N, C-alpha and C. Protein backbone atom coordinates (compact mmCIF):
# COMPACT_ATOMS: atom_id res chain seq x y z
N MET A 1 115.54 74.28 53.77
CA MET A 1 114.71 72.89 53.97
C MET A 1 115.38 71.74 54.03
N MET A 2 116.23 71.34 52.73
CA MET A 2 116.99 70.15 52.72
C MET A 2 117.96 69.77 54.13
N GLU A 3 118.43 70.84 54.54
CA GLU A 3 119.52 71.27 55.68
C GLU A 3 119.18 70.39 57.08
N GLU A 4 117.58 70.80 57.10
CA GLU A 4 117.16 70.54 58.37
C GLU A 4 116.56 68.93 58.16
N GLY A 5 115.41 68.64 58.77
CA GLY A 5 114.44 67.64 58.57
C GLY A 5 113.41 67.62 59.27
N ILE A 6 112.62 66.60 59.50
CA ILE A 6 111.33 66.40 60.07
C ILE A 6 111.44 66.05 61.78
N GLU A 7 110.47 67.13 61.83
CA GLU A 7 110.21 66.80 63.50
C GLU A 7 109.58 65.62 64.09
N ASP A 8 109.99 64.72 65.10
CA ASP A 8 109.19 63.25 65.30
C ASP A 8 108.46 63.61 66.27
N SER A 9 106.98 63.28 65.70
CA SER A 9 105.99 63.41 66.48
C SER A 9 105.73 63.09 67.83
N GLU A 10 106.47 62.49 68.28
CA GLU A 10 106.48 61.44 69.39
C GLU A 10 107.79 62.36 70.43
N SER A 11 109.02 62.32 69.79
CA SER A 11 110.00 62.87 70.84
C SER A 11 110.19 64.72 70.62
N GLY A 12 109.59 64.90 69.49
CA GLY A 12 109.68 66.43 69.12
C GLY A 12 111.24 66.47 68.24
N GLU A 13 112.19 65.64 68.54
CA GLU A 13 113.53 65.87 67.97
C GLU A 13 113.62 66.31 66.12
N LYS A 14 114.71 66.65 65.85
CA LYS A 14 114.26 66.41 64.13
C LYS A 14 115.40 65.49 63.73
N ILE A 15 114.46 65.02 62.80
CA ILE A 15 115.39 63.51 62.25
C ILE A 15 115.89 64.02 60.75
N PRO A 16 117.24 64.46 60.89
CA PRO A 16 117.94 64.52 59.82
C PRO A 16 117.12 64.19 58.32
N TYR A 17 117.01 64.62 57.27
CA TYR A 17 116.74 64.58 55.98
C TYR A 17 117.54 63.18 55.52
N PRO A 18 119.16 63.42 55.58
CA PRO A 18 119.86 62.23 55.15
C PRO A 18 119.38 61.12 55.52
N TYR A 19 119.35 60.96 56.89
CA TYR A 19 118.75 59.90 57.41
C TYR A 19 117.57 59.24 56.63
N ILE A 20 116.49 59.98 57.13
CA ILE A 20 114.97 59.58 56.23
C ILE A 20 115.31 59.25 54.86
N ILE A 21 115.91 59.92 53.70
CA ILE A 21 116.22 59.35 52.58
C ILE A 21 116.83 58.12 52.57
N LYS A 22 117.87 57.74 53.38
CA LYS A 22 118.62 56.62 53.19
C LYS A 22 117.68 55.42 53.73
N LYS A 23 116.85 55.76 54.73
CA LYS A 23 115.73 54.60 54.89
C LYS A 23 114.62 54.53 53.91
N LEU A 24 114.12 55.78 53.21
CA LEU A 24 113.28 55.79 52.05
C LEU A 24 113.86 54.70 50.71
N HIS A 25 115.26 54.80 50.48
CA HIS A 25 116.05 54.22 49.66
C HIS A 25 115.92 52.44 50.14
N SER A 26 116.14 52.39 51.05
CA SER A 26 116.35 51.09 51.33
C SER A 26 114.89 50.02 51.26
N ILE A 27 113.66 50.86 51.11
CA ILE A 27 112.34 50.22 50.93
C ILE A 27 112.07 50.93 49.27
N GLY A 28 112.82 51.62 48.51
CA GLY A 28 112.28 52.13 47.80
C GLY A 28 111.51 50.80 46.24
N LYS A 29 112.61 50.19 46.13
CA LYS A 29 112.17 49.08 44.96
C LYS A 29 111.28 48.20 45.39
N CYS A 30 110.93 48.27 46.52
CA CYS A 30 109.21 47.66 47.06
C CYS A 30 107.89 48.68 46.68
N VAL A 31 108.22 49.66 46.64
CA VAL A 31 106.93 50.22 46.49
C VAL A 31 106.97 51.13 45.20
N ILE A 32 108.24 51.28 44.52
CA ILE A 32 108.28 52.24 42.93
C ILE A 32 107.31 51.94 42.31
N ASN A 33 106.31 52.90 42.07
CA ASN A 33 104.92 52.78 40.97
C ASN A 33 104.59 52.17 41.40
N LYS A 34 104.00 51.79 42.59
CA LYS A 34 102.82 50.74 43.23
C LYS A 34 101.85 51.69 43.96
N LYS A 35 100.51 51.01 43.58
CA LYS A 35 99.69 51.67 44.22
C LYS A 35 99.11 50.97 45.66
N THR A 36 99.79 52.02 46.67
CA THR A 36 99.91 51.74 47.81
C THR A 36 98.91 52.93 48.72
N LYS A 37 98.45 52.98 49.92
CA LYS A 37 97.71 53.65 50.58
C LYS A 37 98.14 55.01 50.42
N ASP A 38 99.45 55.31 50.39
CA ASP A 38 99.82 56.39 50.77
C ASP A 38 100.44 57.27 48.99
N ALA A 39 100.24 56.34 48.07
CA ALA A 39 100.57 56.72 46.78
C ALA A 39 99.27 57.64 46.27
N LEU A 40 99.81 58.54 45.39
CA LEU A 40 99.46 59.30 44.37
C LEU A 40 99.22 59.12 43.08
N PRO A 41 98.42 59.30 42.20
CA PRO A 41 98.63 59.56 40.83
C PRO A 41 99.22 60.49 40.02
N LEU A 42 100.34 60.62 39.64
CA LEU A 42 100.82 61.61 38.73
C LEU A 42 100.92 61.38 37.47
N ARG A 43 100.90 62.37 36.56
CA ARG A 43 101.02 62.51 35.35
C ARG A 43 101.87 63.30 34.71
N VAL A 44 103.20 62.68 33.83
CA VAL A 44 104.02 63.59 33.40
C VAL A 44 103.63 63.64 32.15
N TYR A 45 104.23 65.07 31.76
CA TYR A 45 104.38 65.61 30.55
C TYR A 45 105.34 65.96 30.05
N GLU A 46 105.52 65.80 28.72
CA GLU A 46 107.25 65.89 28.03
C GLU A 46 107.07 67.21 27.75
N ALA A 47 107.99 68.33 28.29
CA ALA A 47 107.73 69.84 27.82
C ALA A 47 107.79 69.89 26.15
N GLY A 48 106.61 70.49 25.49
CA GLY A 48 106.72 70.89 24.42
C GLY A 48 105.91 69.74 23.86
N LYS A 49 105.31 68.48 24.08
CA LYS A 49 104.66 67.61 23.51
C LYS A 49 103.60 67.11 24.02
N GLU A 50 102.68 66.33 23.36
CA GLU A 50 101.29 66.15 23.75
C GLU A 50 101.29 64.71 24.32
N ILE A 51 102.82 64.24 24.73
CA ILE A 51 102.77 62.97 25.05
C ILE A 51 102.77 62.99 26.61
N TYR A 52 102.44 61.91 27.47
CA TYR A 52 102.60 61.78 29.03
C TYR A 52 102.82 60.31 29.21
N GLU A 53 102.80 60.00 30.39
CA GLU A 53 102.93 59.09 31.24
C GLU A 53 102.55 58.86 32.76
N ASP A 54 101.66 57.90 33.16
CA ASP A 54 101.53 58.02 34.40
C ASP A 54 102.19 57.13 35.27
N PHE A 55 102.26 57.64 36.51
CA PHE A 55 103.24 57.18 37.56
C PHE A 55 102.33 57.03 38.96
N TRP A 56 102.15 55.92 39.48
CA TRP A 56 102.03 56.22 41.24
C TRP A 56 103.19 56.66 41.81
N VAL A 57 103.27 57.56 42.75
CA VAL A 57 104.19 58.04 43.87
C VAL A 57 103.86 58.51 44.92
N HIS A 58 104.99 58.21 45.42
CA HIS A 58 105.02 58.66 47.30
C HIS A 58 105.18 60.14 47.47
N PRO A 59 104.06 60.74 47.91
CA PRO A 59 105.44 62.44 48.06
C PRO A 59 106.37 62.42 48.94
N ILE A 60 106.37 61.69 50.07
CA ILE A 60 107.57 61.70 50.87
C ILE A 60 108.79 61.38 50.36
N PHE A 61 108.81 60.23 49.29
CA PHE A 61 109.93 60.06 48.41
C PHE A 61 110.26 61.60 47.98
N LEU A 62 109.51 61.98 47.12
CA LEU A 62 109.64 63.08 45.98
C LEU A 62 110.01 64.08 46.61
N SER A 63 109.23 64.92 47.50
CA SER A 63 109.27 66.03 48.18
C SER A 63 110.57 66.25 49.39
N SER A 64 111.03 64.76 49.63
CA SER A 64 111.97 65.09 50.37
C SER A 64 113.53 65.21 49.66
N GLN A 65 113.39 64.89 48.14
CA GLN A 65 114.51 65.18 47.55
C GLN A 65 114.22 66.21 46.40
N SER A 66 113.43 66.92 46.07
CA SER A 66 113.18 67.53 44.96
C SER A 66 112.29 68.99 45.72
N TYR A 67 113.03 70.19 45.26
CA TYR A 67 112.07 71.39 45.83
C TYR A 67 110.88 71.06 45.06
N GLN A 68 111.17 70.88 43.83
CA GLN A 68 109.83 71.27 42.73
C GLN A 68 108.59 70.43 43.10
N PHE A 69 109.28 69.02 43.52
CA PHE A 69 108.08 68.28 44.07
C PHE A 69 107.37 68.62 45.50
N PHE A 70 108.55 68.90 46.03
CA PHE A 70 108.28 69.44 47.66
C PHE A 70 106.66 70.70 47.16
N LYS A 71 107.28 71.53 46.57
CA LYS A 71 106.30 72.86 46.24
C LYS A 71 104.93 72.33 45.80
N LEU A 72 105.04 71.43 44.60
CA LEU A 72 104.01 70.48 44.11
C LEU A 72 102.81 69.87 45.35
N PHE A 73 103.37 69.12 46.22
CA PHE A 73 102.66 68.31 46.95
C PHE A 73 102.30 69.20 47.91
N GLU A 74 103.30 70.20 48.30
CA GLU A 74 102.42 71.47 49.15
C GLU A 74 101.24 71.96 48.61
N GLU A 75 101.44 72.31 47.60
CA GLU A 75 100.15 72.96 46.84
C GLU A 75 98.87 72.00 46.94
N VAL A 76 99.33 70.81 46.61
CA VAL A 76 98.05 69.76 46.80
C VAL A 76 97.46 69.93 47.86
N LYS A 77 98.30 69.88 48.97
CA LYS A 77 97.75 70.05 50.42
C LYS A 77 97.09 70.77 50.71
N THR A 78 97.35 71.95 50.89
CA THR A 78 96.85 73.00 50.80
C THR A 78 95.53 73.16 50.01
N LYS A 79 95.27 73.14 49.16
CA LYS A 79 94.50 73.76 48.35
C LYS A 79 93.39 72.02 47.89
N GLN A 80 93.73 71.06 48.99
CA GLN A 80 93.14 69.75 49.12
C GLN A 80 92.58 68.94 47.60
N GLU A 81 93.69 69.09 46.77
CA GLU A 81 93.03 68.40 45.50
C GLU A 81 93.42 67.00 45.38
N GLN A 82 92.27 66.65 44.56
CA GLN A 82 91.93 65.33 44.73
C GLN A 82 91.93 64.55 42.87
N GLY A 83 92.31 63.59 42.70
CA GLY A 83 92.60 63.40 41.18
C GLY A 83 94.21 63.43 41.06
N ILE A 84 93.78 63.43 39.57
CA ILE A 84 95.72 62.91 39.17
C ILE A 84 96.45 64.14 39.23
N ILE A 85 97.65 64.25 40.00
CA ILE A 85 98.67 65.36 40.09
C ILE A 85 99.19 65.65 38.63
N GLU A 86 99.46 66.56 38.01
CA GLU A 86 100.33 66.85 36.59
C GLU A 86 101.50 67.55 37.02
N ILE A 87 102.69 67.13 36.13
CA ILE A 87 103.72 67.86 35.92
C ILE A 87 104.15 67.63 34.81
N GLU A 88 104.99 68.66 34.28
CA GLU A 88 105.66 68.61 32.85
C GLU A 88 107.10 68.50 33.26
N VAL A 89 107.96 67.96 32.50
CA VAL A 89 109.48 67.60 32.68
C VAL A 89 109.97 67.58 31.14
N PRO A 90 111.32 67.88 31.34
CA PRO A 90 111.86 67.73 30.10
C PRO A 90 112.04 66.62 29.22
N SER A 91 112.28 65.35 30.02
CA SER A 91 112.32 63.92 29.13
C SER A 91 111.25 63.37 29.87
N ILE A 92 110.70 62.86 29.34
CA ILE A 92 109.58 61.52 29.69
C ILE A 92 110.34 60.46 30.36
N LYS A 93 111.14 60.08 29.19
CA LYS A 93 112.08 58.85 28.77
C LYS A 93 113.49 58.56 30.38
N ALA A 94 113.78 59.98 30.29
CA ALA A 94 114.98 60.25 30.99
C ALA A 94 114.35 60.59 32.88
N PHE A 95 113.13 61.02 32.71
CA PHE A 95 112.10 61.30 34.16
C PHE A 95 111.76 59.58 34.21
N ALA A 96 111.63 58.31 33.89
CA ALA A 96 111.65 57.11 34.74
C ALA A 96 112.68 56.77 35.53
N PHE A 97 113.80 57.24 35.11
CA PHE A 97 115.02 56.92 35.14
C PHE A 97 115.54 57.25 36.66
N VAL A 98 115.24 58.88 36.49
CA VAL A 98 115.22 59.77 37.39
C VAL A 98 114.55 59.50 38.55
N LEU A 99 113.05 58.78 38.64
CA LEU A 99 112.18 58.54 39.44
C LEU A 99 112.82 57.22 40.27
N TYR A 100 113.69 56.30 39.65
CA TYR A 100 114.16 55.34 39.88
C TYR A 100 115.38 55.64 41.15
N TYR A 101 116.11 56.30 40.76
CA TYR A 101 117.10 56.92 41.58
C TYR A 101 116.72 57.28 42.57
N MET A 102 115.29 58.56 42.68
CA MET A 102 114.84 58.86 43.65
C MET A 102 114.30 58.27 44.84
N TYR A 103 113.64 56.72 44.39
CA TYR A 103 113.29 55.95 44.97
C TYR A 103 114.43 54.70 45.43
N THR A 104 115.71 54.35 44.98
CA THR A 104 116.14 53.57 45.25
C THR A 104 117.61 54.05 45.65
N GLY A 105 117.90 55.46 45.29
CA GLY A 105 119.30 55.88 45.78
C GLY A 105 120.49 55.30 45.09
N ASP A 106 120.35 54.66 43.83
CA ASP A 106 121.10 53.61 43.03
C ASP A 106 121.72 54.83 41.84
N LEU A 107 122.43 55.53 42.35
CA LEU A 107 123.13 56.74 41.33
C LEU A 107 124.22 56.03 40.02
N SER A 108 124.63 54.45 40.35
CA SER A 108 125.52 53.98 39.21
C SER A 108 124.92 53.59 38.40
N LYS A 109 123.28 53.32 38.68
CA LYS A 109 122.35 52.91 38.04
C LYS A 109 121.90 54.01 36.81
N LEU A 110 121.66 54.95 37.33
CA LEU A 110 121.52 56.43 36.98
C LEU A 110 122.62 56.76 36.01
N LEU A 111 123.92 56.75 36.37
CA LEU A 111 125.04 56.81 35.27
C LEU A 111 125.24 55.83 34.53
N GLU A 112 124.90 54.85 34.48
CA GLU A 112 124.79 53.75 33.70
C GLU A 112 124.00 53.90 32.69
N ILE A 113 123.20 54.29 32.86
CA ILE A 113 121.96 54.78 31.64
C ILE A 113 122.03 55.91 31.06
N ALA A 114 122.87 57.22 31.65
CA ALA A 114 122.97 58.16 30.92
C ALA A 114 124.14 57.87 30.07
N LYS A 115 125.12 56.88 30.22
CA LYS A 115 126.50 56.39 29.58
C LYS A 115 125.88 56.05 27.71
N LEU A 116 124.88 55.25 28.30
CA LEU A 116 124.25 54.65 27.19
C LEU A 116 123.99 55.29 25.79
N ASP A 117 123.36 56.78 25.78
CA ASP A 117 122.92 57.41 25.23
C ASP A 117 123.18 59.04 25.20
N GLU A 118 123.64 59.75 24.48
CA GLU A 118 123.80 61.22 24.74
C GLU A 118 122.09 61.83 25.09
N SER A 119 121.22 61.43 24.22
CA SER A 119 119.95 61.98 24.75
C SER A 119 119.48 61.61 26.31
N TYR A 120 119.73 60.37 26.62
CA TYR A 120 119.59 60.07 27.92
C TYR A 120 120.12 61.05 29.10
N CYS A 121 121.51 61.01 28.47
CA CYS A 121 122.36 61.83 29.81
C CYS A 121 121.74 63.18 29.75
N LYS A 122 121.41 63.75 28.71
CA LYS A 122 121.16 65.30 28.51
C LYS A 122 119.64 65.20 29.66
N GLY A 123 118.61 63.88 29.13
CA GLY A 123 117.39 64.49 29.74
C GLY A 123 117.69 63.93 31.02
N ILE A 124 118.45 63.29 31.68
CA ILE A 124 118.72 63.00 33.30
C ILE A 124 119.30 64.03 33.97
N MET A 125 120.02 64.92 33.32
CA MET A 125 120.83 66.06 34.11
C MET A 125 119.58 66.94 33.77
N GLU A 126 118.81 67.51 32.59
CA GLU A 126 118.25 68.25 33.02
C GLU A 126 116.87 68.40 33.56
N SER A 127 116.33 67.00 34.03
CA SER A 127 115.24 66.47 34.79
C SER A 127 116.00 66.74 36.25
N ILE A 128 117.27 66.66 36.61
CA ILE A 128 117.49 66.69 37.95
C ILE A 128 117.58 68.14 38.06
N GLN A 129 118.20 69.09 37.21
CA GLN A 129 117.86 70.81 37.37
C GLN A 129 116.44 70.96 37.83
N TYR A 130 115.88 70.69 36.57
CA TYR A 130 114.49 71.19 36.69
C TYR A 130 113.76 71.12 38.05
N LEU A 131 113.79 70.04 38.17
CA LEU A 131 112.85 69.25 39.49
C LEU A 131 113.92 69.65 40.97
N GLU A 132 114.91 70.33 40.61
CA GLU A 132 115.99 70.67 41.91
C GLU A 132 115.86 69.48 42.70
N ILE A 133 116.50 68.75 42.21
CA ILE A 133 117.00 67.05 42.99
C ILE A 133 118.53 67.33 43.50
N ASN A 134 118.14 67.17 44.85
CA ASN A 134 119.46 67.35 45.74
C ASN A 134 120.13 65.92 45.80
N ILE A 135 121.37 65.75 44.81
CA ILE A 135 122.15 64.93 44.61
C ILE A 135 123.56 64.94 45.03
N THR A 136 124.03 64.58 46.23
CA THR A 136 125.25 65.02 46.71
C THR A 136 126.31 64.53 46.21
N LYS A 137 126.17 63.42 45.55
CA LYS A 137 127.21 62.43 44.89
C LYS A 137 128.04 62.69 43.92
N PHE A 138 127.51 63.51 42.82
CA PHE A 138 127.73 63.81 41.88
C PHE A 138 128.92 64.57 41.90
């Protein structure tokens, strides 16, 4: 999935995922956690706890970089589900930073946060692994 691309509906050519992700990252700061016409509500639960946080997310940002989100959004589309989408993650506080990375591509910010506290570092790494996020820069 990640090695290929998305077929351009006009030309029929494959647009490589790295190019798409780079373009998405260039606009990510403008749309992160914003309710736009293509945003969906996502409720994120912390594993083993009853706490959650709600986000507005854009499926193209998340599904193009995370296999778990790809599967989740495909299931939502197939079942034509409406309402809040739910997912469980290892750490809510780390998830917010991982989400920021997925929208902006700012790996230095992610690493800076990870250095602040061992629990952030652990949570970020667990979230990246759990969500199967494709980060080739590590």
